[in-house]
Amino acid sequence: MLRVRMRWADAIVLGPGQLTVIEGKLRPSEYLKGVAELRLYMHLVPHTPELDLWKGARIAGRLVIPVHDPTVDMLARQDGLDVAVFQPTFWTEFTAAIHARERRPIRPEEATLIKP
């Protein structure tokens, strides 16, 4: 009931000839959700009246995550999305407040099972 129902990206960067849609996720369990949301937001750009001035501009997508996940990185790049690793200033306090299993992405040995 309290879930967000609006389809808003976390940020949009408007540059000459390019519009970059940015989506960030803190928990590794939500990284894949971030990839899907980013694809949806990029699809909606040409249909958003507020962005009419950028019609025809290149649309890029960037997923911002605090811990590198090789599998999500590979899947995002296959979709033409950029992945950036950034830990906010509150990262230490945030990780202390969540369960240990929510702090890490897929195990590296599991990632090798997925081939590009």
N, C-alpha and C. Protein backbone atom coordinates (compact mmCIF):
# COMPACT_ATOMS: atom_id res chain seq x y z
N MET A 1 0.81 -1.18 0.00
CA MET A 1 0.00 0.00 0.00
C MET A 1 0.86 1.26 0.00
N LEU A 2 2.04 1.19 0.60
CA LEU A 2 2.89 2.36 0.68
C LEU A 2 3.93 2.41 -0.44
N ARG A 3 3.87 1.48 -1.37
CA ARG A 3 4.85 1.48 -2.45
C ARG A 3 4.65 2.68 -3.37
N VAL A 4 5.75 3.08 -3.97
CA VAL A 4 5.69 4.20 -4.91
C VAL A 4 5.07 3.72 -6.21
N ARG A 5 4.07 4.42 -6.67
CA ARG A 5 3.37 4.05 -7.91
C ARG A 5 3.73 4.97 -9.07
N MET A 6 4.39 6.07 -8.80
CA MET A 6 4.75 7.02 -9.84
C MET A 6 5.95 6.50 -10.61
N ARG A 7 6.04 6.85 -11.86
CA ARG A 7 7.17 6.43 -12.68
C ARG A 7 8.09 7.61 -12.89
N TRP A 8 8.94 7.84 -11.91
CA TRP A 8 9.90 8.94 -11.95
C TRP A 8 11.30 8.39 -11.75
N ALA A 9 12.20 8.82 -12.61
CA ALA A 9 13.60 8.45 -12.46
C ALA A 9 14.18 9.23 -11.27
N ASP A 10 15.29 8.74 -10.75
CA ASP A 10 15.94 9.45 -9.64
C ASP A 10 16.54 10.77 -10.11
N ALA A 11 17.01 10.80 -11.35
CA ALA A 11 17.57 12.05 -11.89
C ALA A 11 17.59 11.98 -13.41
N ILE A 12 17.57 13.15 -14.02
CA ILE A 12 17.74 13.28 -15.46
C ILE A 12 18.78 14.37 -15.67
N VAL A 13 19.80 14.07 -16.45
CA VAL A 13 20.84 15.04 -16.75
C VAL A 13 20.65 15.46 -18.21
N LEU A 14 20.44 16.75 -18.40
CA LEU A 14 20.21 17.29 -19.74
C LEU A 14 21.49 17.93 -20.24
N GLY A 15 21.99 17.39 -21.34
CA GLY A 15 23.21 17.94 -21.92
C GLY A 15 22.99 18.20 -23.40
N PRO A 16 23.96 18.83 -24.05
CA PRO A 16 23.81 19.10 -25.48
C PRO A 16 23.76 17.79 -26.27
N GLY A 17 22.62 17.55 -26.88
CA GLY A 17 22.46 16.36 -27.72
C GLY A 17 22.25 15.06 -26.97
N GLN A 18 22.23 15.08 -25.65
CA GLN A 18 22.06 13.84 -24.88
C GLN A 18 21.26 14.09 -23.62
N LEU A 19 20.40 13.14 -23.31
CA LEU A 19 19.61 13.15 -22.08
C LEU A 19 19.97 11.85 -21.36
N THR A 20 20.45 11.95 -20.13
CA THR A 20 20.83 10.77 -19.37
C THR A 20 19.85 10.56 -18.23
N VAL A 21 19.25 9.38 -18.20
CA VAL A 21 18.32 9.00 -17.15
C VAL A 21 19.12 8.20 -16.12
N ILE A 22 18.98 8.58 -14.84
CA ILE A 22 19.75 7.95 -13.77
C ILE A 22 18.81 7.31 -12.76
N GLU A 23 19.12 6.08 -12.41
CA GLU A 23 18.38 5.35 -11.39
C GLU A 23 19.41 4.78 -10.41
N GLY A 24 19.16 4.95 -9.12
CA GLY A 24 20.07 4.44 -8.11
C GLY A 24 19.38 3.43 -7.20
N LYS A 25 20.12 2.45 -6.78
CA LYS A 25 19.62 1.44 -5.84
C LYS A 25 20.69 1.19 -4.78
N LEU A 26 20.27 1.04 -3.53
CA LEU A 26 21.20 0.79 -2.43
C LEU A 26 21.37 -0.70 -2.13
N ARG A 27 20.28 -1.44 -2.15
CA ARG A 27 20.34 -2.87 -1.81
C ARG A 27 20.62 -3.71 -3.06
N PRO A 28 21.59 -4.62 -2.98
CA PRO A 28 21.88 -5.48 -4.13
C PRO A 28 20.66 -6.26 -4.62
N SER A 29 19.72 -6.57 -3.73
CA SER A 29 18.53 -7.30 -4.14
C SER A 29 17.64 -6.47 -5.06
N GLU A 30 17.89 -5.16 -5.16
CA GLU A 30 17.09 -4.29 -6.02
C GLU A 30 17.82 -3.85 -7.28
N TYR A 31 19.06 -4.31 -7.48
CA TYR A 31 19.82 -3.89 -8.65
C TYR A 31 19.10 -4.24 -9.96
N LEU A 32 18.60 -5.47 -10.06
CA LEU A 32 17.90 -5.87 -11.29
C LEU A 32 16.63 -5.06 -11.50
N LYS A 33 15.95 -4.75 -10.42
CA LYS A 33 14.77 -3.89 -10.49
C LYS A 33 15.17 -2.53 -11.05
N GLY A 34 16.32 -2.03 -10.65
CA GLY A 34 16.83 -0.76 -11.14
C GLY A 34 17.06 -0.78 -12.64
N VAL A 35 17.59 -1.90 -13.15
CA VAL A 35 17.81 -2.04 -14.60
C VAL A 35 16.47 -1.97 -15.34
N ALA A 36 15.48 -2.69 -14.84
CA ALA A 36 14.15 -2.69 -15.48
C ALA A 36 13.50 -1.32 -15.42
N GLU A 37 13.59 -0.66 -14.27
CA GLU A 37 13.01 0.67 -14.13
C GLU A 37 13.69 1.65 -15.09
N LEU A 38 15.00 1.55 -15.19
CA LEU A 38 15.75 2.44 -16.07
C LEU A 38 15.32 2.26 -17.52
N ARG A 39 15.14 1.04 -17.94
CA ARG A 39 14.67 0.77 -19.31
C ARG A 39 13.29 1.38 -19.54
N LEU A 40 12.41 1.25 -18.55
CA LEU A 40 11.07 1.83 -18.65
C LEU A 40 11.15 3.35 -18.74
N TYR A 41 11.92 3.98 -17.86
CA TYR A 41 12.03 5.44 -17.87
C TYR A 41 12.59 5.95 -19.19
N MET A 42 13.57 5.25 -19.74
CA MET A 42 14.14 5.65 -21.02
C MET A 42 13.09 5.53 -22.13
N HIS A 43 12.26 4.52 -22.05
CA HIS A 43 11.18 4.34 -23.02
C HIS A 43 10.16 5.49 -22.93
N LEU A 44 9.93 5.99 -21.73
CA LEU A 44 8.94 7.03 -21.52
C LEU A 44 9.42 8.43 -21.92
N VAL A 45 10.72 8.63 -22.05
CA VAL A 45 11.25 9.96 -22.36
C VAL A 45 10.59 10.59 -23.59
N PRO A 46 10.51 9.90 -24.73
CA PRO A 46 9.90 10.54 -25.91
C PRO A 46 8.42 10.87 -25.74
N HIS A 47 7.78 10.28 -24.75
CA HIS A 47 6.34 10.49 -24.52
C HIS A 47 6.06 11.44 -23.37
N THR A 48 7.10 12.09 -22.87
CA THR A 48 6.98 13.00 -21.73
C THR A 48 6.99 14.44 -22.22
N PRO A 49 5.85 15.13 -22.12
CA PRO A 49 5.76 16.50 -22.66
C PRO A 49 6.81 17.46 -22.09
N GLU A 50 7.19 17.29 -20.82
CA GLU A 50 8.16 18.18 -20.20
C GLU A 50 9.55 18.07 -20.84
N LEU A 51 9.77 17.00 -21.60
CA LEU A 51 11.08 16.78 -22.23
C LEU A 51 11.04 17.01 -23.74
N ASP A 52 9.99 17.68 -24.23
CA ASP A 52 9.85 17.94 -25.66
C ASP A 52 11.06 18.65 -26.27
N LEU A 53 11.71 19.53 -25.52
CA LEU A 53 12.86 20.25 -26.05
C LEU A 53 14.03 19.32 -26.38
N TRP A 54 14.02 18.13 -25.84
CA TRP A 54 15.09 17.17 -26.08
C TRP A 54 14.67 16.04 -27.00
N LYS A 55 13.56 16.21 -27.70
CA LYS A 55 13.16 15.19 -28.68
C LYS A 55 14.26 15.06 -29.72
N GLY A 56 14.60 13.86 -30.04
CA GLY A 56 15.65 13.61 -31.01
C GLY A 56 17.03 13.51 -30.38
N ALA A 57 17.17 13.90 -29.13
CA ALA A 57 18.47 13.77 -28.45
C ALA A 57 18.72 12.30 -28.14
N ARG A 58 19.97 11.95 -28.03
CA ARG A 58 20.34 10.59 -27.64
C ARG A 58 19.90 10.38 -26.19
N ILE A 59 19.33 9.22 -25.91
CA ILE A 59 18.88 8.88 -24.55
C ILE A 59 19.83 7.82 -24.00
N ALA A 60 20.46 8.15 -22.89
CA ALA A 60 21.38 7.22 -22.24
C ALA A 60 20.82 6.87 -20.87
N GLY A 61 21.24 5.72 -20.35
CA GLY A 61 20.81 5.30 -19.02
C GLY A 61 21.99 4.94 -18.15
N ARG A 62 21.89 5.31 -16.87
CA ARG A 62 22.97 5.00 -15.93
C ARG A 62 22.37 4.47 -14.64
N LEU A 63 22.81 3.29 -14.25
CA LEU A 63 22.43 2.69 -12.97
C LEU A 63 23.54 3.00 -11.98
N VAL A 64 23.19 3.57 -10.83
CA VAL A 64 24.17 3.90 -9.80
C VAL A 64 23.94 2.96 -8.62
N ILE A 65 25.00 2.21 -8.27
CA ILE A 65 24.91 1.22 -7.20
C ILE A 65 26.14 1.37 -6.29
N PRO A 66 26.03 1.01 -5.01
CA PRO A 66 27.15 1.18 -4.10
C PRO A 66 28.17 0.03 -4.09
N VAL A 67 27.77 -1.15 -4.58
CA VAL A 67 28.66 -2.32 -4.57
C VAL A 67 28.63 -2.94 -5.96
N HIS A 68 29.80 -3.14 -6.54
CA HIS A 68 29.87 -3.71 -7.89
C HIS A 68 29.26 -5.11 -7.91
N ASP A 69 28.45 -5.38 -8.89
CA ASP A 69 27.84 -6.69 -9.10
C ASP A 69 28.12 -7.07 -10.55
N PRO A 70 29.02 -8.03 -10.77
CA PRO A 70 29.41 -8.35 -12.15
C PRO A 70 28.26 -8.84 -13.02
N THR A 71 27.32 -9.55 -12.45
CA THR A 71 26.20 -10.06 -13.24
C THR A 71 25.28 -8.93 -13.67
N VAL A 72 24.91 -8.06 -12.75
CA VAL A 72 24.05 -6.92 -13.08
C VAL A 72 24.77 -6.00 -14.06
N ASP A 73 26.06 -5.80 -13.85
CA ASP A 73 26.85 -4.97 -14.75
C ASP A 73 26.78 -5.52 -16.18
N MET A 74 26.96 -6.82 -16.33
CA MET A 74 26.92 -7.46 -17.66
C MET A 74 25.54 -7.30 -18.29
N LEU A 75 24.49 -7.57 -17.52
CA LEU A 75 23.13 -7.48 -18.05
C LEU A 75 22.78 -6.04 -18.44
N ALA A 76 23.18 -5.09 -17.62
CA ALA A 76 22.91 -3.68 -17.92
C ALA A 76 23.64 -3.26 -19.19
N ARG A 77 24.89 -3.63 -19.31
CA ARG A 77 25.67 -3.25 -20.49
C ARG A 77 25.13 -3.90 -21.76
N GLN A 78 24.58 -5.10 -21.64
CA GLN A 78 23.95 -5.73 -22.80
C GLN A 78 22.77 -4.90 -23.29
N ASP A 79 22.12 -4.18 -22.37
CA ASP A 79 21.00 -3.30 -22.72
C ASP A 79 21.46 -1.90 -23.08
N GLY A 80 22.78 -1.68 -23.16
CA GLY A 80 23.31 -0.38 -23.51
C GLY A 80 23.31 0.62 -22.36
N LEU A 81 23.20 0.12 -21.13
CA LEU A 81 23.17 0.99 -19.95
C LEU A 81 24.55 1.06 -19.33
N ASP A 82 24.84 2.19 -18.72
CA ASP A 82 26.09 2.39 -18.01
C ASP A 82 25.84 2.06 -16.54
N VAL A 83 26.86 1.52 -15.87
CA VAL A 83 26.76 1.23 -14.44
C VAL A 83 27.88 1.97 -13.73
N ALA A 84 27.52 2.74 -12.71
CA ALA A 84 28.50 3.47 -11.92
C ALA A 84 28.41 3.02 -10.47
N VAL A 85 29.56 2.83 -9.85
CA VAL A 85 29.61 2.46 -8.44
C VAL A 85 29.90 3.72 -7.63
N PHE A 86 29.02 4.00 -6.69
CA PHE A 86 29.15 5.18 -5.84
C PHE A 86 28.57 4.86 -4.46
N GLN A 87 29.36 5.10 -3.43
CA GLN A 87 28.88 4.89 -2.07
C GLN A 87 28.63 6.26 -1.42
N PRO A 88 27.37 6.51 -1.03
CA PRO A 88 27.05 7.80 -0.41
C PRO A 88 27.72 7.94 0.96
N THR A 89 27.74 9.15 1.47
CA THR A 89 28.40 9.41 2.75
C THR A 89 27.80 8.62 3.91
N PHE A 90 26.53 8.24 3.79
CA PHE A 90 25.87 7.50 4.87
C PHE A 90 25.98 5.98 4.68
N TRP A 91 26.83 5.52 3.77
CA TRP A 91 26.90 4.10 3.43
C TRP A 91 27.24 3.21 4.63
N THR A 92 28.20 3.60 5.44
CA THR A 92 28.60 2.78 6.60
C THR A 92 27.43 2.62 7.57
N GLU A 93 26.74 3.69 7.86
CA GLU A 93 25.60 3.62 8.77
C GLU A 93 24.46 2.79 8.17
N PHE A 94 24.25 2.94 6.87
CA PHE A 94 23.19 2.19 6.19
C PHE A 94 23.46 0.69 6.25
N THR A 95 24.68 0.27 5.94
CA THR A 95 24.99 -1.16 5.94
C THR A 95 24.93 -1.75 7.35
N ALA A 96 25.21 -0.94 8.35
CA ALA A 96 25.13 -1.42 9.74
C ALA A 96 23.68 -1.67 10.15
N ALA A 97 22.75 -1.01 9.48
CA ALA A 97 21.34 -1.10 9.86
C ALA A 97 20.57 -2.19 9.11
N ILE A 98 21.19 -2.83 8.13
CA ILE A 98 20.48 -3.86 7.36
C ILE A 98 21.10 -5.23 7.61
N HIS A 99 20.38 -6.28 7.27
CA HIS A 99 20.87 -7.65 7.43
C HIS A 99 22.09 -7.89 6.55
N ALA A 100 22.99 -8.73 7.02
CA ALA A 100 24.23 -9.02 6.29
C ALA A 100 23.94 -9.54 4.88
N ARG A 101 22.91 -10.36 4.72
CA ARG A 101 22.61 -10.93 3.40
C ARG A 101 22.14 -9.87 2.40
N GLU A 102 21.70 -8.71 2.91
CA GLU A 102 21.25 -7.64 2.02
C GLU A 102 22.38 -6.71 1.61
N ARG A 103 23.58 -6.93 2.14
CA ARG A 103 24.71 -6.03 1.89
C ARG A 103 25.53 -6.41 0.66
N ARG A 104 25.42 -7.65 0.23
CA ARG A 104 26.31 -8.09 -0.85
C ARG A 104 25.52 -8.54 -2.07
N PRO A 105 26.12 -8.36 -3.24
CA PRO A 105 25.48 -8.87 -4.45
C PRO A 105 25.73 -10.36 -4.58
N ILE A 106 25.40 -10.90 -5.73
CA ILE A 106 25.59 -12.31 -6.02
C ILE A 106 27.06 -12.71 -5.78
N ARG A 107 27.26 -13.93 -5.34
CA ARG A 107 28.63 -14.41 -5.11
C ARG A 107 29.37 -14.50 -6.45
N PRO A 108 30.68 -14.16 -6.45
CA PRO A 108 31.44 -14.19 -7.71
C PRO A 108 31.39 -15.54 -8.41
N GLU A 109 31.42 -16.64 -7.65
CA GLU A 109 31.38 -17.95 -8.29
C GLU A 109 30.03 -18.21 -8.97
N GLU A 110 28.95 -17.60 -8.43
CA GLU A 110 27.64 -17.73 -9.07
C GLU A 110 27.59 -16.91 -10.35
N ALA A 111 28.28 -15.80 -10.36
CA ALA A 111 28.27 -14.92 -11.53
C ALA A 111 28.90 -15.60 -12.74
N THR A 112 29.86 -16.51 -12.51
CA THR A 112 30.51 -17.17 -13.64
C THR A 112 29.58 -18.16 -14.33
N LEU A 113 28.47 -18.51 -13.69
CA LEU A 113 27.52 -19.42 -14.31
C LEU A 113 26.72 -18.75 -15.42
N ILE A 114 26.69 -17.42 -15.42
CA ILE A 114 25.94 -16.67 -16.42
C ILE A 114 26.90 -16.22 -17.48
N LYS A 115 26.69 -16.67 -18.68
CA LYS A 115 27.57 -16.32 -19.80
C LYS A 115 26.93 -15.21 -20.63
N PRO A 116 27.76 -14.24 -21.10
CA PRO A 116 27.19 -13.16 -21.93
C PRO A 116 26.72 -13.66 -23.28
